[in-house]
Amino acid sequence: MHRILSGIFMFLLAGLIFTVFLYVASIVIPIVLLICLVGWGWLKYKQGKSVKLMFGQKHSHRAAPKGEIIDAEYEIIDDDNR
């Protein structure tokens, strides 16, 4: 009789441990997956931002200049010789 009760107790204890594991896993696994998803999204965002920065500068050099190009000759003016 003692052996049967011990077997039942071990079976119930194993079931209880497994149930607690499922409860903990049902909370921890979604949190870990959410952290991984946020990290992946952050890396994609930073990668896209760096690609735009790298290739955006090359395109801005090909575009028309924003200011005027002035071709000027400089003279040295000596005010005492006027």
PDB file of N, CA and C in Angstrom:
ATOM      1  N   MET A   1       0.815  -1.193   0.000  1.00  0.00           N
ATOM      2  CA  MET A   1       0.000   0.000   0.000  1.00  0.00           C
ATOM      3  C   MET A   1       0.858   1.255   0.000  1.00  0.00           C
ATOM      4  N   HIS A   2       1.918   1.210   0.788  1.00  0.00           N
ATOM      5  CA  HIS A   2       2.816   2.362   0.846  1.00  0.00           C
ATOM      6  C   HIS A   2       3.453   2.629  -0.530  1.00  0.00           C
ATOM      7  N   ARG A   3       3.759   1.561  -1.237  1.00  0.00           N
ATOM      8  CA  ARG A   3       4.376   1.701  -2.565  1.00  0.00           C
ATOM      9  C   ARG A   3       3.408   2.331  -3.562  1.00  0.00           C
ATOM     10  N   ILE A   4       2.150   1.991  -3.495  1.00  0.00           N
ATOM     11  CA  ILE A   4       1.134   2.549  -4.405  1.00  0.00           C
ATOM     12  C   ILE A   4       0.938   4.036  -4.108  1.00  0.00           C
ATOM     13  N   LEU A   5       0.834   4.391  -2.829  1.00  0.00           N
ATOM     14  CA  LEU A   5       0.676   5.804  -2.471  1.00  0.00           C
ATOM     15  C   LEU A   5       1.907   6.615  -2.863  1.00  0.00           C
ATOM     16  N   SER A   6       3.081   6.055  -2.721  1.00  0.00           N
ATOM     17  CA  SER A   6       4.303   6.737  -3.116  1.00  0.00           C
ATOM     18  C   SER A   6       4.334   6.963  -4.628  1.00  0.00           C
ATOM     19  N   GLY A   7       3.897   5.980  -5.393  1.00  0.00           N
ATOM     20  CA  GLY A   7       3.832   6.123  -6.855  1.00  0.00           C
ATOM     21  C   GLY A   7       2.834   7.186  -7.273  1.00  0.00           C
ATOM     22  N   ILE A   8       1.675   7.200  -6.636  1.00  0.00           N
ATOM     23  CA  ILE A   8       0.650   8.217  -6.938  1.00  0.00           C
ATOM     24  C   ILE A   8       1.172   9.607  -6.582  1.00  0.00           C
ATOM     25  N   PHE A   9       1.812   9.712  -5.411  1.00  0.00           N
ATOM     26  CA  PHE A   9       2.363  11.002  -4.988  1.00  0.00           C
ATOM     27  C   PHE A   9       3.426  11.498  -5.973  1.00  0.00           C
ATOM     28  N   MET A  10       4.303  10.609  -6.433  1.00  0.00           N
ATOM     29  CA  MET A  10       5.336  11.012  -7.399  1.00  0.00           C
ATOM     30  C   MET A  10       4.708  11.430  -8.733  1.00  0.00           C
ATOM     31  N   PHE A  11       3.653  10.701  -9.146  1.00  0.00           N
ATOM     32  CA  PHE A  11       2.961  11.048 -10.388  1.00  0.00           C
ATOM     33  C   PHE A  11       2.298  12.424 -10.265  1.00  0.00           C
ATOM     34  N   LEU A  12       1.645  12.691  -9.137  1.00  0.00           N
ATOM     35  CA  LEU A  12       1.009  13.996  -8.924  1.00  0.00           C
ATOM     36  C   LEU A  12       2.046  15.113  -8.810  1.00  0.00           C
ATOM     37  N   LEU A  13       3.169  14.820  -8.161  1.00  0.00           N
ATOM     38  CA  LEU A  13       4.232  15.814  -8.044  1.00  0.00           C
ATOM     39  C   LEU A  13       4.822  16.151  -9.419  1.00  0.00           C
ATOM     40  N   ALA A  14       5.031  15.129 -10.247  1.00  0.00           N
ATOM     41  CA  ALA A  14       5.539  15.368 -11.600  1.00  0.00           C
ATOM     42  C   ALA A  14       4.538  16.185 -12.412  1.00  0.00           C
ATOM     43  N   GLY A  15       3.253  15.904 -12.259  1.00  0.00           N
ATOM     44  CA  GLY A  15       2.213  16.679 -12.952  1.00  0.00           C
ATOM     45  C   GLY A  15       2.177  18.117 -12.471  1.00  0.00           C
ATOM     46  N   LEU A  16       2.340  18.307 -11.161  1.00  0.00           N
ATOM     47  CA  LEU A  16       2.357  19.664 -10.607  1.00  0.00           C
ATOM     48  C   LEU A  16       3.563  20.451 -11.110  1.00  0.00           C
ATOM     49  N   ILE A  17       4.710  19.807 -11.121  1.00  0.00           N
ATOM     50  CA  ILE A  17       5.919  20.485 -11.630  1.00  0.00           C
ATOM     51  C   ILE A  17       5.761  20.832 -13.101  1.00  0.00           C
ATOM     52  N   PHE A  18       5.192  19.919 -13.887  1.00  0.00           N
ATOM     53  CA  PHE A  18       4.985  20.178 -15.308  1.00  0.00           C
ATOM     54  C   PHE A  18       3.988  21.312 -15.516  1.00  0.00           C
ATOM     55  N   THR A  19       2.927  21.347 -14.698  1.00  0.00           N
ATOM     56  CA  THR A  19       1.933  22.415 -14.804  1.00  0.00           C
ATOM     57  C   THR A  19       2.542  23.771 -14.460  1.00  0.00           C
ATOM     58  N   VAL A  20       3.328  23.825 -13.400  1.00  0.00           N
ATOM     59  CA  VAL A  20       4.003  25.074 -13.029  1.00  0.00           C
ATOM     60  C   VAL A  20       4.959  25.496 -14.137  1.00  0.00           C
ATOM     61  N   PHE A  21       5.663  24.530 -14.734  1.00  0.00           N
ATOM     62  CA  PHE A  21       6.558  24.840 -15.850  1.00  0.00           C
ATOM     63  C   PHE A  21       5.783  25.445 -17.016  1.00  0.00           C
ATOM     64  N   LEU A  22       4.607  24.889 -17.325  1.00  0.00           N
ATOM     65  CA  LEU A  22       3.796  25.434 -18.419  1.00  0.00           C
ATOM     66  C   LEU A  22       3.316  26.850 -18.106  1.00  0.00           C
ATOM     67  N   TYR A  23       2.921  27.093 -16.866  1.00  0.00           N
ATOM     68  CA  TYR A  23       2.484  28.443 -16.483  1.00  0.00           C
ATOM     69  C   TYR A  23       3.627  29.445 -16.613  1.00  0.00           C
ATOM     70  N   VAL A  24       4.782  29.072 -16.120  1.00  0.00           N
ATOM     71  CA  VAL A  24       5.935  29.972 -16.195  1.00  0.00           C
ATOM     72  C   VAL A  24       6.349  30.175 -17.657  1.00  0.00           C
ATOM     73  N   ALA A  25       6.362  29.089 -18.427  1.00  0.00           N
ATOM     74  CA  ALA A  25       6.753  29.192 -19.834  1.00  0.00           C
ATOM     75  C   ALA A  25       5.756  30.031 -20.631  1.00  0.00           C
ATOM     76  N   SER A  26       4.463  29.957 -20.270  1.00  0.00           N
ATOM     77  CA  SER A  26       3.468  30.736 -20.999  1.00  0.00           C
ATOM     78  C   SER A  26       3.634  32.230 -20.751  1.00  0.00           C
ATOM     79  N   ILE A  27       4.312  32.601 -19.689  1.00  0.00           N
ATOM     80  CA  ILE A  27       4.585  34.014 -19.412  1.00  0.00           C
ATOM     81  C   ILE A  27       5.953  34.412 -19.967  1.00  0.00           C
ATOM     82  N   VAL A  28       6.948  33.570 -19.763  1.00  0.00           N
ATOM     83  CA  VAL A  28       8.326  33.919 -20.118  1.00  0.00           C
ATOM     84  C   VAL A  28       8.553  33.870 -21.622  1.00  0.00           C
ATOM     85  N   ILE A  29       8.040  32.848 -22.297  1.00  0.00           N
ATOM     86  CA  ILE A  29       8.301  32.696 -23.742  1.00  0.00           C
ATOM     87  C   ILE A  29       7.742  33.869 -24.553  1.00  0.00           C
ATOM     88  N   PRO A  30       6.510  34.337 -24.338  1.00  0.00           N
ATOM     89  CA  PRO A  30       6.061  35.521 -25.091  1.00  0.00           C
ATOM     90  C   PRO A  30       6.885  36.777 -24.814  1.00  0.00           C
ATOM     91  N   ILE A  31       7.335  36.926 -23.564  1.00  0.00           N
ATOM     92  CA  ILE A  31       8.165  38.094 -23.247  1.00  0.00           C
ATOM     93  C   ILE A  31       9.494  38.012 -23.992  1.00  0.00           C
ATOM     94  N   VAL A  32      10.105  36.836 -24.011  1.00  0.00           N
ATOM     95  CA  VAL A  32      11.371  36.661 -24.732  1.00  0.00           C
ATOM     96  C   VAL A  32      11.165  36.878 -26.232  1.00  0.00           C
ATOM     97  N   LEU A  33      10.077  36.348 -26.784  1.00  0.00           N
ATOM     98  CA  LEU A  33       9.798  36.557 -28.204  1.00  0.00           C
ATOM     99  C   LEU A  33       9.538  38.032 -28.520  1.00  0.00           C
ATOM    100  N   LEU A  34       8.862  38.734 -27.626  1.00  0.00           N
ATOM    101  CA  LEU A  34       8.618  40.161 -27.827  1.00  0.00           C
ATOM    102  C   LEU A  34       9.921  40.947 -27.794  1.00  0.00           C
ATOM    103  N   ILE A  35      10.812  40.589 -26.875  1.00  0.00           N
ATOM    104  CA  ILE A  35      12.120  41.258 -26.807  1.00  0.00           C
ATOM    105  C   ILE A  35      12.907  40.991 -28.090  1.00  0.00           C
ATOM    106  N   CYS A  36      12.869  39.760 -28.581  1.00  0.00           N
ATOM    107  CA  CYS A  36      13.563  39.428 -29.841  1.00  0.00           C
ATOM    108  C   CYS A  36      12.964  40.198 -31.011  1.00  0.00           C
ATOM    109  N   LEU A  37      11.648  40.304 -31.057  1.00  0.00           N
ATOM    110  CA  LEU A  37      10.981  41.028 -32.140  1.00  0.00           C
ATOM    111  C   LEU A  37      11.324  42.512 -32.107  1.00  0.00           C
ATOM    112  N   VAL A  38      11.320  43.101 -30.933  1.00  0.00           N
ATOM    113  CA  VAL A  38      11.677  44.514 -30.801  1.00  0.00           C
ATOM    114  C   VAL A  38      13.146  44.739 -31.183  1.00  0.00           C
ATOM    115  N   GLY A  39      14.021  43.848 -30.752  1.00  0.00           N
ATOM    116  CA  GLY A  39      15.437  43.957 -31.124  1.00  0.00           C
ATOM    117  C   GLY A  39      15.655  43.826 -32.614  1.00  0.00           C
ATOM    118  N   TRP A  40      14.943  42.889 -33.239  1.00  0.00           N
ATOM    119  CA  TRP A  40      15.050  42.716 -34.695  1.00  0.00           C
ATOM    120  C   TRP A  40      14.544  43.958 -35.429  1.00  0.00           C
ATOM    121  N   GLY A  41      13.421  44.489 -34.961  1.00  0.00           N
ATOM    122  CA  GLY A  41      12.880  45.715 -35.575  1.00  0.00           C
ATOM    123  C   GLY A  41      13.827  46.893 -35.411  1.00  0.00           C
ATOM    124  N   TRP A  42      14.441  47.011 -34.246  1.00  0.00           N
ATOM    125  CA  TRP A  42      15.390  48.096 -33.995  1.00  0.00           C
ATOM    126  C   TRP A  42      16.604  47.972 -34.916  1.00  0.00           C
ATOM    127  N   LEU A  43      17.112  46.749 -35.089  1.00  0.00           N
ATOM    128  CA  LEU A  43      18.251  46.543 -35.984  1.00  0.00           C
ATOM    129  C   LEU A  43      17.890  46.871 -37.426  1.00  0.00           C
ATOM    130  N   LYS A  44      16.691  46.467 -37.866  1.00  0.00           N
ATOM    131  CA  LYS A  44      16.243  46.794 -39.225  1.00  0.00           C
ATOM    132  C   LYS A  44      16.109  48.304 -39.404  1.00  0.00           C
ATOM    133  N   TYR A  45      15.588  48.983 -38.379  1.00  0.00           N
ATOM    134  CA  TYR A  45      15.432  50.439 -38.443  1.00  0.00           C
ATOM    135  C   TYR A  45      16.800  51.119 -38.552  1.00  0.00           C
ATOM    136  N   LYS A  46      17.746  50.696 -37.702  1.00  0.00           N
ATOM    137  CA  LYS A  46      19.080  51.306 -37.739  1.00  0.00           C
ATOM    138  C   LYS A  46      19.789  50.981 -39.048  1.00  0.00           C
ATOM    139  N   GLN A  47      19.593  49.766 -39.575  1.00  0.00           N
ATOM    140  CA  GLN A  47      20.213  49.386 -40.839  1.00  0.00           C
ATOM    141  C   GLN A  47      19.635  50.225 -41.973  1.00  0.00           C
ATOM    142  N   GLY A  48      18.325  50.407 -41.990  1.00  0.00           N
ATOM    143  CA  GLY A  48      17.698  51.238 -43.017  1.00  0.00           C
ATOM    144  C   GLY A  48      18.150  52.684 -42.916  1.00  0.00           C
ATOM    145  N   LYS A  49      18.297  53.163 -41.708  1.00  0.00           N
ATOM    146  CA  LYS A  49      18.749  54.541 -41.499  1.00  0.00           C
ATOM    147  C   LYS A  49      20.188  54.725 -41.984  1.00  0.00           C
ATOM    148  N   SER A  50      21.042  53.722 -41.719  1.00  0.00           N
ATOM    149  CA  SER A  50      22.432  53.835 -42.156  1.00  0.00           C
ATOM    150  C   SER A  50      22.542  53.712 -43.670  1.00  0.00           C
ATOM    151  N   VAL A  51      21.698  52.882 -44.288  1.00  0.00           N
ATOM    152  CA  VAL A  51      21.716  52.766 -45.751  1.00  0.00           C
ATOM    153  C   VAL A  51      21.263  54.081 -46.372  1.00  0.00           C
ATOM    154  N   LYS A  52      20.223  54.692 -45.816  1.00  0.00           N
ATOM    155  CA  LYS A  52      19.775  55.989 -46.332  1.00  0.00           C
ATOM    156  C   LYS A  52      20.871  57.034 -46.178  1.00  0.00           C
ATOM    157  N   LEU A  53      21.585  56.987 -45.058  1.00  0.00           N
ATOM    158  CA  LEU A  53      22.659  57.943 -44.822  1.00  0.00           C
ATOM    159  C   LEU A  53      23.801  57.724 -45.799  1.00  0.00           C
ATOM    160  N   MET A  54      24.163  56.466 -46.024  1.00  0.00           N
ATOM    161  CA  MET A  54      25.265  56.163 -46.947  1.00  0.00           C
ATOM    162  C   MET A  54      24.911  56.567 -48.371  1.00  0.00           C
ATOM    163  N   PHE A  55      23.762  56.123 -48.850  1.00  0.00           N
ATOM    164  CA  PHE A  55      23.414  56.377 -50.244  1.00  0.00           C
ATOM    165  C   PHE A  55      22.783  57.736 -50.440  1.00  0.00           C
ATOM    166  N   GLY A  56      22.251  58.328 -49.405  1.00  0.00           N
ATOM    167  CA  GLY A  56      21.667  59.665 -49.516  1.00  0.00           C
ATOM    168  C   GLY A  56      22.729  60.720 -49.774  1.00  0.00           C
ATOM    169  N   GLN A  57      23.927  60.561 -49.213  1.00  0.00           N
ATOM    170  CA  GLN A  57      24.991  61.526 -49.431  1.00  0.00           C
ATOM    171  C   GLN A  57      25.508  61.452 -50.853  1.00  0.00           C
ATOM    172  N   LYS A  58      25.577  60.274 -51.430  1.00  0.00           N
ATOM    173  CA  LYS A  58      26.057  60.151 -52.800  1.00  0.00           C
ATOM    174  C   LYS A  58      25.095  60.820 -53.767  1.00  0.00           C
ATOM    175  N   HIS A  59      23.806  60.678 -53.536  1.00  0.00           N
ATOM    176  CA  HIS A  59      22.826  61.295 -54.418  1.00  0.00           C
ATOM    177  C   HIS A  59      22.811  62.816 -54.275  1.00  0.00           C
ATOM    178  N   SER A  60      23.097  63.317 -53.086  1.00  0.00           N
ATOM    179  CA  SER A  60      23.078  64.762 -52.906  1.00  0.00           C
ATOM    180  C   SER A  60      24.269  65.415 -53.624  1.00  0.00           C
ATOM    181  N   HIS A  61      25.374  64.674 -53.797  1.00  0.00           N
ATOM    182  CA  HIS A  61      26.498  65.230 -54.542  1.00  0.00           C
ATOM    183  C   HIS A  61      26.184  65.298 -56.024  1.00  0.00           C
ATOM    184  N   ARG A  62      25.356  64.418 -56.523  1.00  0.00           N
ATOM    185  CA  ARG A  62      24.999  64.418 -57.944  1.00  0.00           C
ATOM    186  C   ARG A  62      23.958  65.477 -58.253  1.00  0.00           C
ATOM    187  N   ALA A  63      23.215  65.914 -57.273  1.00  0.00           N
ATOM    188  CA  ALA A  63      22.160  66.889 -57.491  1.00  0.00           C
ATOM    189  C   ALA A  63      22.780  68.256 -57.796  1.00  0.00           C
ATOM    190  N   ALA A  64      21.939  69.153 -58.283  1.00  0.00           N
ATOM    191  CA  ALA A  64      22.405  70.505 -58.602  1.00  0.00           C
ATOM    192  C   ALA A  64      22.897  71.181 -57.327  1.00  0.00           C
ATOM    193  N   PRO A  65      23.936  71.978 -57.435  1.00  0.00           N
ATOM    194  CA  PRO A  65      24.441  72.659 -56.246  1.00  0.00           C
ATOM    195  C   PRO A  65      23.397  73.630 -55.695  1.00  0.00           C
ATOM    196  N   LYS A  66      23.412  73.793 -54.413  1.00  0.00           N
ATOM    197  CA  LYS A  66      22.411  74.625 -53.768  1.00  0.00           C
ATOM    198  C   LYS A  66      22.772  76.107 -53.845  1.00  0.00           C
ATOM    199  N   GLY A  67      24.037  76.426 -53.879  1.00  0.00           N
ATOM    200  CA  GLY A  67      24.448  77.815 -53.950  1.00  0.00           C
ATOM    201  C   GLY A  67      24.993  78.152 -55.339  1.00  0.00           C
ATOM    202  N   GLU A  68      25.297  79.419 -55.543  1.00  0.00           N
ATOM    203  CA  GLU A  68      25.869  79.843 -56.822  1.00  0.00           C
ATOM    204  C   GLU A  68      27.371  79.592 -56.831  1.00  0.00           C
ATOM    205  N   ILE A  69      27.860  79.278 -57.998  1.00  0.00           N
ATOM    206  CA  ILE A  69      29.302  79.185 -58.157  1.00  0.00           C
ATOM    207  C   ILE A  69      29.757  80.523 -58.729  1.00  0.00           C
ATOM    208  N   ILE A  70      30.577  81.193 -58.005  1.00  0.00           N
ATOM    209  CA  ILE A  70      31.025  82.525 -58.413  1.00  0.00           C
ATOM    210  C   ILE A  70      32.464  82.414 -58.873  1.00  0.00           C
ATOM    211  N   ASP A  71      32.707  82.881 -60.104  1.00  0.00           N
ATOM    212  CA  ASP A  71      34.064  82.898 -60.644  1.00  0.00           C
ATOM    213  C   ASP A  71      34.547  84.340 -60.523  1.00  0.00           C
ATOM    214  N   ALA A  72      35.416  84.565 -59.616  1.00  0.00           N
ATOM    215  CA  ALA A  72      35.849  85.936 -59.359  1.00  0.00           C
ATOM    216  C   ALA A  72      37.365  85.995 -59.366  1.00  0.00           C
ATOM    217  N   GLU A  73      37.844  87.131 -59.817  1.00  0.00           N
ATOM    218  CA  GLU A  73      39.281  87.396 -59.741  1.00  0.00           C
ATOM    219  C   GLU A  73      39.488  88.425 -58.648  1.00  0.00           C
ATOM    220  N   TYR A  74      40.486  88.204 -57.876  1.00  0.00           N
ATOM    221  CA  TYR A  74      40.743  89.095 -56.758  1.00  0.00           C
ATOM    222  C   TYR A  74      41.908  90.024 -57.112  1.00  0.00           C
ATOM    223  N   GLU A  75      41.720  91.290 -56.747  1.00  0.00           N
ATOM    224  CA  GLU A  75      42.781  92.273 -56.947  1.00  0.00           C
ATOM    225  C   GLU A  75      43.268  92.735 -55.589  1.00  0.00           C
ATOM    226  N   ILE A  76      44.522  93.073 -55.540  1.00  0.00           N
ATOM    227  CA  ILE A  76      45.072  93.643 -54.326  1.00  0.00           C
ATOM    228  C   ILE A  76      44.953  95.144 -54.459  1.00  0.00           C
ATOM    229  N   ILE A  77      44.212  95.743 -53.580  1.00  0.00           N
ATOM    230  CA  ILE A  77      43.994  97.206 -53.636  1.00  0.00           C
ATOM    231  C   ILE A  77      44.800  97.826 -52.519  1.00  0.00           C
ATOM    232  N   ASP A  78      45.631  98.736 -52.910  1.00  0.00           N
ATOM    233  CA  ASP A  78      46.437  99.462 -51.938  1.00  0.00           C
ATOM    234  C   ASP A  78      45.825 100.871 -51.843  1.00  0.00           C
ATOM    235  N   ASP A  79      45.217 101.182 -50.719  1.00  0.00           N
ATOM    236  CA  ASP A  79      44.507 102.461 -50.560  1.00  0.00           C
ATOM    237  C   ASP A  79      45.462 103.657 -50.569  1.00  0.00           C
ATOM    238  N   ASP A  80      46.720 103.464 -50.270  1.00  0.00           N
ATOM    239  CA  ASP A  80      47.646 104.600 -50.228  1.00  0.00           C
ATOM    240  C   ASP A  80      48.022 105.072 -51.631  1.00  0.00           C
ATOM    241  N   ASN A  81      47.904 104.261 -52.638  1.00  0.00           N
ATOM    242  CA  ASN A  81      48.316 104.638 -53.998  1.00  0.00           C
ATOM    243  C   ASN A  81      47.187 105.154 -54.831  1.00  0.00           C
ATOM    244  N   ARG A  82      46.064 105.484 -54.330  1.00  0.00           N
ATOM    245  CA  ARG A  82      44.953 105.993 -55.120  1.00  0.00           C
ATOM    246  C   ARG A  82      45.077 107.406 -55.453  1.00  0.00           C
TER     247      ARG A  82
END
